[in-house]
C-alpha atoms as a PDB file:
ATOM      1  CA  MET A   1     -50.144 -16.441 -23.504  1.00  0.00           C
ATOM      2  CA  ASN A   2     -49.978 -15.291 -19.892  1.00  0.00           C
ATOM      3  CA  THR A   3     -48.885 -11.666 -20.017  1.00  0.00           C
ATOM      4  CA  LYS A   4     -46.708 -10.484 -17.164  1.00  0.00           C
ATOM      5  CA  LYS A   5     -47.880  -7.419 -15.245  1.00  0.00           C
ATOM      6  CA  VAL A   6     -46.096  -4.101 -15.066  1.00  0.00           C
ATOM      7  CA  ALA A   7     -45.602  -2.376 -11.726  1.00  0.00           C
ATOM      8  CA  VAL A   8     -45.943   1.402 -11.922  1.00  0.00           C
ATOM      9  CA  ILE A   9     -44.526   2.859  -8.730  1.00  0.00           C
ATOM     10  CA  MET A  10     -44.604   6.556  -7.888  1.00  0.00           C
ATOM     11  CA  GLY A  11     -42.562   8.178  -5.167  1.00  0.00           C
ATOM     12  CA  SER A  12     -45.495  10.512  -4.466  1.00  0.00           C
ATOM     13  CA  ASP A  13     -49.081  10.879  -5.571  1.00  0.00           C
ATOM     14  CA  SER A  14     -48.011  14.243  -7.017  1.00  0.00           C
ATOM     15  CA  ASP A  15     -46.214  12.213  -9.729  1.00  0.00           C
ATOM     16  CA  PHE A  16     -49.522  10.851 -11.053  1.00  0.00           C
ATOM     17  CA  PRO A  17     -50.139  13.576 -13.681  1.00  0.00           C
ATOM     18  CA  VAL A  18     -46.844  12.560 -15.317  1.00  0.00           C
ATOM     19  CA  VAL A  19     -47.245   8.814 -14.753  1.00  0.00           C
ATOM     20  CA  SER A  20     -50.750   8.774 -16.234  1.00  0.00           C
ATOM     21  CA  ALA A  21     -49.102   8.739 -19.687  1.00  0.00           C
ATOM     22  CA  THR A  22     -47.470   5.410 -18.780  1.00  0.00           C
ATOM     23  CA  ILE A  23     -50.791   3.978 -17.694  1.00  0.00           C
ATOM     24  CA  LYS A  24     -52.449   5.101 -20.940  1.00  0.00           C
ATOM     25  CA  GLN A  25     -49.758   3.312 -22.944  1.00  0.00           C
ATOM     26  CA  LEU A  26     -50.081   0.111 -20.937  1.00  0.00           C
ATOM     27  CA  LYS A  27     -53.854   0.175 -21.409  1.00  0.00           C
ATOM     28  CA  GLN A  28     -53.413   0.776 -25.158  1.00  0.00           C
ATOM     29  CA  PHE A  29     -51.302  -2.382 -25.411  1.00  0.00           C
ATOM     30  CA  GLY A  30     -53.626  -4.379 -23.143  1.00  0.00           C
ATOM     31  CA  ILE A  31     -50.917  -4.914 -20.540  1.00  0.00           C
ATOM     32  CA  PRO A  32     -52.081  -5.602 -16.980  1.00  0.00           C
ATOM     33  CA  PHE A  33     -50.532  -3.354 -14.372  1.00  0.00           C
ATOM     34  CA  GLU A  34     -50.674  -2.211 -10.793  1.00  0.00           C
ATOM     35  CA  ALA A  35     -49.904   1.336  -9.695  1.00  0.00           C
ATOM     36  CA  HIS A  36     -48.772   2.238  -6.187  1.00  0.00           C
ATOM     37  CA  VAL A  37     -47.171   5.029  -4.190  1.00  0.00           C
ATOM     38  CA  MET A  38     -43.970   4.022  -2.382  1.00  0.00           C
ATOM     39  CA  SER A  39     -41.060   6.141  -1.319  1.00  0.00           C
ATOM     40  CA  ALA A  40     -37.395   5.229  -1.387  1.00  0.00           C
ATOM     41  CA  HIS A  41     -36.938   7.529   1.596  1.00  0.00           C
ATOM     42  CA  ARG A  42     -40.205   7.452   3.558  1.00  0.00           C
ATOM     43  CA  THR A  43     -41.130   3.772   3.050  1.00  0.00           C
ATOM     44  CA  PRO A  44     -37.842   2.108   2.061  1.00  0.00           C
ATOM     45  CA  GLU A  45     -38.784  -1.260   3.557  1.00  0.00           C
ATOM     46  CA  LYS A  46     -42.062  -1.354   1.609  1.00  0.00           C
ATOM     47  CA  ALA A  47     -40.309  -0.439  -1.660  1.00  0.00           C
ATOM     48  CA  ALA A  48     -37.600  -3.046  -1.119  1.00  0.00           C
ATOM     49  CA  GLU A  49     -40.119  -5.748  -0.198  1.00  0.00           C
ATOM     50  CA  PHE A  50     -42.292  -4.982  -3.217  1.00  0.00           C
ATOM     51  CA  ALA A  51     -39.308  -5.196  -5.587  1.00  0.00           C
ATOM     52  CA  ALA A  52     -37.950  -8.363  -3.977  1.00  0.00           C
ATOM     53  CA  ASN A  53     -41.307 -10.131  -4.431  1.00  0.00           C
ATOM     54  CA  ALA A  54     -42.319  -8.591  -7.776  1.00  0.00           C
ATOM     55  CA  GLU A  55     -41.294 -11.526  -9.962  1.00  0.00           C
ATOM     56  CA  ASP A  56     -43.092 -14.060  -7.749  1.00  0.00           C
ATOM     57  CA  ASN A  57     -46.165 -11.785  -7.870  1.00  0.00           C
ATOM     58  CA  GLY A  58     -46.369 -11.965 -11.669  1.00  0.00           C
ATOM     59  CA  PHE A  59     -44.577  -8.793 -12.689  1.00  0.00           C
ATOM     60  CA  GLY A  60     -42.229  -8.656 -15.664  1.00  0.00           C
ATOM     61  CA  VAL A  61     -41.152  -5.012 -15.517  1.00  0.00           C
ATOM     62  CA  ILE A  62     -41.060  -2.314 -12.847  1.00  0.00           C
ATOM     63  CA  ILE A  63     -41.477   1.350 -13.760  1.00  0.00           C
ATOM     64  CA  ALA A  64     -40.455   3.769 -11.020  1.00  0.00           C
ATOM     65  CA  ALA A  65     -41.175   7.500 -11.207  1.00  0.00           C
ATOM     66  CA  ALA A  66     -39.691   9.993  -8.784  1.00  0.00           C
ATOM     67  CA  GLY A  67     -38.546  13.574  -8.611  1.00  0.00           C
ATOM     68  CA  LYS A  68     -35.840  15.458  -6.746  1.00  0.00           C
ATOM     69  CA  ALA A  69     -33.468  12.911  -5.140  1.00  0.00           C
ATOM     70  CA  ALA A  70     -35.214  10.191  -7.226  1.00  0.00           C
ATOM     71  CA  HIS A  71     -33.719   7.087  -5.640  1.00  0.00           C
ATOM     72  CA  LEU A  72     -36.849   4.964  -6.134  1.00  0.00           C
ATOM     73  CA  ALA A  73     -35.815   3.233  -9.361  1.00  0.00           C
ATOM     74  CA  GLY A  74     -32.401   2.429  -7.929  1.00  0.00           C
ATOM     75  CA  VAL A  75     -33.867   1.013  -4.728  1.00  0.00           C
ATOM     76  CA  MET A  76     -36.216  -1.147  -6.798  1.00  0.00           C
ATOM     77  CA  ALA A  77     -33.377  -2.302  -9.074  1.00  0.00           C
ATOM     78  CA  GLY A  78     -31.240  -3.182  -6.071  1.00  0.00           C
ATOM     79  CA  HIS A  79     -33.853  -5.661  -4.860  1.00  0.00           C
ATOM     80  CA  THR A  80     -34.866  -7.464  -8.071  1.00  0.00           C
ATOM     81  CA  THR A  81     -33.496  -8.991 -11.246  1.00  0.00           C
ATOM     82  CA  LEU A  82     -36.472  -7.674 -13.244  1.00  0.00           C
ATOM     83  CA  PRO A  83     -35.875  -4.813 -15.658  1.00  0.00           C
ATOM     84  CA  VAL A  84     -36.499  -1.451 -13.997  1.00  0.00           C
ATOM     85  CA  ILE A  85     -37.378   1.660 -15.977  1.00  0.00           C
ATOM     86  CA  GLY A  86     -36.914   5.001 -14.265  1.00  0.00           C
ATOM     87  CA  ILE A  87     -38.960   8.104 -15.013  1.00  0.00           C
ATOM     88  CA  PRO A  88     -37.230  11.209 -13.672  1.00  0.00           C
ATOM     89  CA  VAL A  89     -39.986  13.665 -12.736  1.00  0.00           C
ATOM     90  CA  LYS A  90     -39.613  17.433 -12.986  1.00  0.00           C
ATOM     91  CA  ALA A  91     -40.458  18.335  -9.393  1.00  0.00           C
ATOM     92  CA  SER A  92     -38.003  20.985  -8.266  1.00  0.00           C
ATOM     93  CA  GLU A  93     -36.237  24.215  -9.040  1.00  0.00           C
ATOM     94  CA  LEU A  94     -33.695  22.174 -10.985  1.00  0.00           C
ATOM     95  CA  ASP A  95     -36.268  21.327 -13.712  1.00  0.00           C
ATOM     96  CA  GLY A  96     -35.838  17.586 -13.255  1.00  0.00           C
ATOM     97  CA  MET A  97     -32.072  17.478 -13.811  1.00  0.00           C
ATOM     98  CA  ASP A  98     -31.633  16.349 -10.207  1.00  0.00           C
ATOM     99  CA  ALA A  99     -34.042  13.464 -10.766  1.00  0.00           C
ATOM    100  CA  LEU A 100     -32.473  12.581 -14.117  1.00  0.00           C
ATOM    101  CA  LEU A 101     -28.988  12.346 -12.669  1.00  0.00           C
ATOM    102  CA  ALA A 102     -30.148  10.410  -9.600  1.00  0.00           C
ATOM    103  CA  THR A 103     -31.983   7.922 -11.832  1.00  0.00           C
ATOM    104  CA  VAL A 104     -29.414   7.425 -14.557  1.00  0.00           C
ATOM    105  CA  GLN A 105     -26.193   7.371 -12.479  1.00  0.00           C
ATOM    106  CA  MET A 106     -26.402   3.815 -11.184  1.00  0.00           C
ATOM    107  CA  PRO A 107     -23.414   1.755 -10.031  1.00  0.00           C
ATOM    108  CA  PRO A 108     -22.217  -1.252 -12.027  1.00  0.00           C
ATOM    109  CA  GLY A 109     -24.467  -4.273 -11.568  1.00  0.00           C
ATOM    110  CA  ILE A 110     -27.629  -2.284 -10.761  1.00  0.00           C
ATOM    111  CA  PRO A 111     -28.877  -0.947 -14.116  1.00  0.00           C
ATOM    112  CA  VAL A 112     -31.917   1.276 -14.486  1.00  0.00           C
ATOM    113  CA  ALA A 113     -33.203   2.019 -17.978  1.00  0.00           C
ATOM    114  CA  THR A 114     -34.011   5.720 -17.857  1.00  0.00           C
ATOM    115  CA  VAL A 115     -36.359   7.693 -20.078  1.00  0.00           C
ATOM    116  CA  ALA A 116     -36.431  11.468 -20.514  1.00  0.00           C
ATOM    117  CA  ILE A 117     -37.521  13.850 -17.787  1.00  0.00           C
ATOM    118  CA  ASN A 118     -41.317  13.376 -17.591  1.00  0.00           C
ATOM    119  CA  GLY A 119     -40.920  10.731 -20.343  1.00  0.00           C
ATOM    120  CA  ALA A 120     -43.706   8.531 -19.005  1.00  0.00           C
ATOM    121  CA  CYS A 121     -45.145   7.716 -22.430  1.00  0.00           C
ATOM    122  CA  ASN A 122     -41.844   6.154 -23.501  1.00  0.00           C
ATOM    123  CA  ALA A 123     -41.611   4.230 -20.226  1.00  0.00           C
ATOM    124  CA  GLY A 124     -44.892   2.512 -21.087  1.00  0.00           C
ATOM    125  CA  ILE A 125     -43.722   1.751 -24.617  1.00  0.00           C
ATOM    126  CA  LEU A 126     -40.365   0.432 -23.384  1.00  0.00           C
ATOM    127  CA  ALA A 127     -42.140  -1.842 -20.904  1.00  0.00           C
ATOM    128  CA  ALA A 128     -44.308  -3.120 -23.772  1.00  0.00           C
ATOM    129  CA  GLN A 129     -41.205  -3.757 -25.888  1.00  0.00           C
ATOM    130  CA  ILE A 130     -39.611  -5.749 -23.070  1.00  0.00           C
ATOM    131  CA  LEU A 131     -42.731  -7.864 -22.566  1.00  0.00           C
ATOM    132  CA  ALA A 132     -43.127  -8.279 -26.351  1.00  0.00           C
ATOM    133  CA  LEU A 133     -39.983 -10.398 -26.377  1.00  0.00           C
ATOM    134  CA  SER A 134     -42.139 -13.243 -25.072  1.00  0.00           C
ATOM    135  CA  ASP A 135     -45.665 -12.085 -26.001  1.00  0.00           C
ATOM    136  CA  ASP A 136     -46.727 -12.113 -29.664  1.00  0.00           C
ATOM    137  CA  GLY A 137     -49.928 -10.172 -28.936  1.00  0.00           C
ATOM    138  CA  ILE A 138     -48.039  -7.215 -27.480  1.00  0.00           C
ATOM    139  CA  ARG A 139     -45.494  -7.427 -30.313  1.00  0.00           C
ATOM    140  CA  GLN A 140     -48.282  -7.128 -32.879  1.00  0.00           C
ATOM    141  CA  LYS A 141     -49.834  -4.149 -31.082  1.00  0.00           C
ATOM    142  CA  LEU A 142     -46.446  -2.431 -31.055  1.00  0.00           C
ATOM    143  CA  LYS A 143     -46.086  -2.987 -34.811  1.00  0.00           C
ATOM    144  CA  GLU A 144     -49.544  -1.526 -35.359  1.00  0.00           C
ATOM    145  CA  ALA A 145     -48.712   1.492 -33.195  1.00  0.00           C
ATOM    146  CA  LYS A 146     -45.512   2.142 -35.183  1.00  0.00           C
ATOM    147  CA  GLN A 147     -47.438   1.899 -38.444  1.00  0.00           C
ATOM    148  CA  SER A 148     -50.032   4.342 -37.136  1.00  0.00           C
ATOM    149  CA  MET A 149     -47.267   6.804 -36.222  1.00  0.00           C
ATOM    150  CA  LYS A 150     -45.819   6.526 -39.748  1.00  0.00           C
ATOM    151  CA  GLU A 151     -49.219   7.180 -41.283  1.00  0.00           C
ATOM    152  CA  GLY A 152     -49.754  10.158 -38.982  1.00  0.00           C
ATOM    153  CA  VAL A 153     -46.461  11.731 -40.043  1.00  0.00           C
ATOM    154  CA  ALA A 154     -47.276  11.151 -43.720  1.00  0.00           C
ATOM    155  CA  LYS A 155     -50.629  12.921 -43.280  1.00  0.00           C
ATOM    156  CA  LYS A 156     -48.949  15.860 -41.547  1.00  0.00           C
ATOM    157  CA  ASP A 157     -46.398  16.093 -44.359  1.00  0.00           C
ATOM    158  CA  ALA A 158     -49.156  16.075 -46.990  1.00  0.00           C
ATOM    159  CA  ALA A 159     -50.999  18.843 -45.111  1.00  0.00           C
ATOM    160  CA  LEU A 160     -47.771  20.865 -44.918  1.00  0.00           C
ATOM    161  CA  GLN A 161     -47.220  20.482 -48.661  1.00  0.00           C
ATOM    162  CA  GLU A 162     -50.733  21.815 -49.291  1.00  0.00           C
ATOM    163  CA  LYS A 163     -50.078  24.838 -47.072  1.00  0.00           C
ATOM    164  CA  ILE A 164     -46.815  25.547 -48.870  1.00  0.00           C
ATOM    165  CA  ALA A 165     -48.524  25.298 -52.267  1.00  0.00           C
ATOM    166  CA  GLU A 166     -51.087  27.877 -51.161  1.00  0.00           C
ATOM    167  CA  LEU A 167     -48.437  30.486 -50.299  1.00  0.00           C
END
C-alpha cells in the first residue's frame, strides 16, 4: 500500500521542541513526512501554495503548529481539502490560550482539527488514525500501540497495589 505523507509545518523554528513529539509519533508508525517552517504572516504565499499543492505532492494530512496569533492551520485549511490538524503552541504571556483560540475558532466550511496546547504527540496519533482509514499497516501499528498503553497502565496499577500493601 502506498502510504500518504504527512506535512508537518511550523510557523517558526522555535516551535520545533514541541513539534518533535509529532515527528516521533510519525516515525513510530512508519509514516513518511516532511517538516518545514512557513509563516501565515511572514510567508503567506508560500504557505498557501504548499497547502494548495499538498494533495498532488502525495500528502494525506497537514499538521500545522503555531503560537500567538496562530493562523497557520487556518491558512493551510483554506487552501486545501486535506484534513488539517492544528497544534496551538504555548509561545506567549497568555500560556497558549491565544494560539488555542486562533486555531480552534474557524469559520464554517474551513475546519481545523485542534489538539491541546503543545499537544504534538496527539497530532501525530490523529494523523496516523486518519491515514489508517486506508492503510492496514498503520491501523495495525495503532492497535499495537493501544495495547501497549493498556499493558503499561496495568503494570503501573500492579506496582501501586504493591506499594499500598507495604504501608
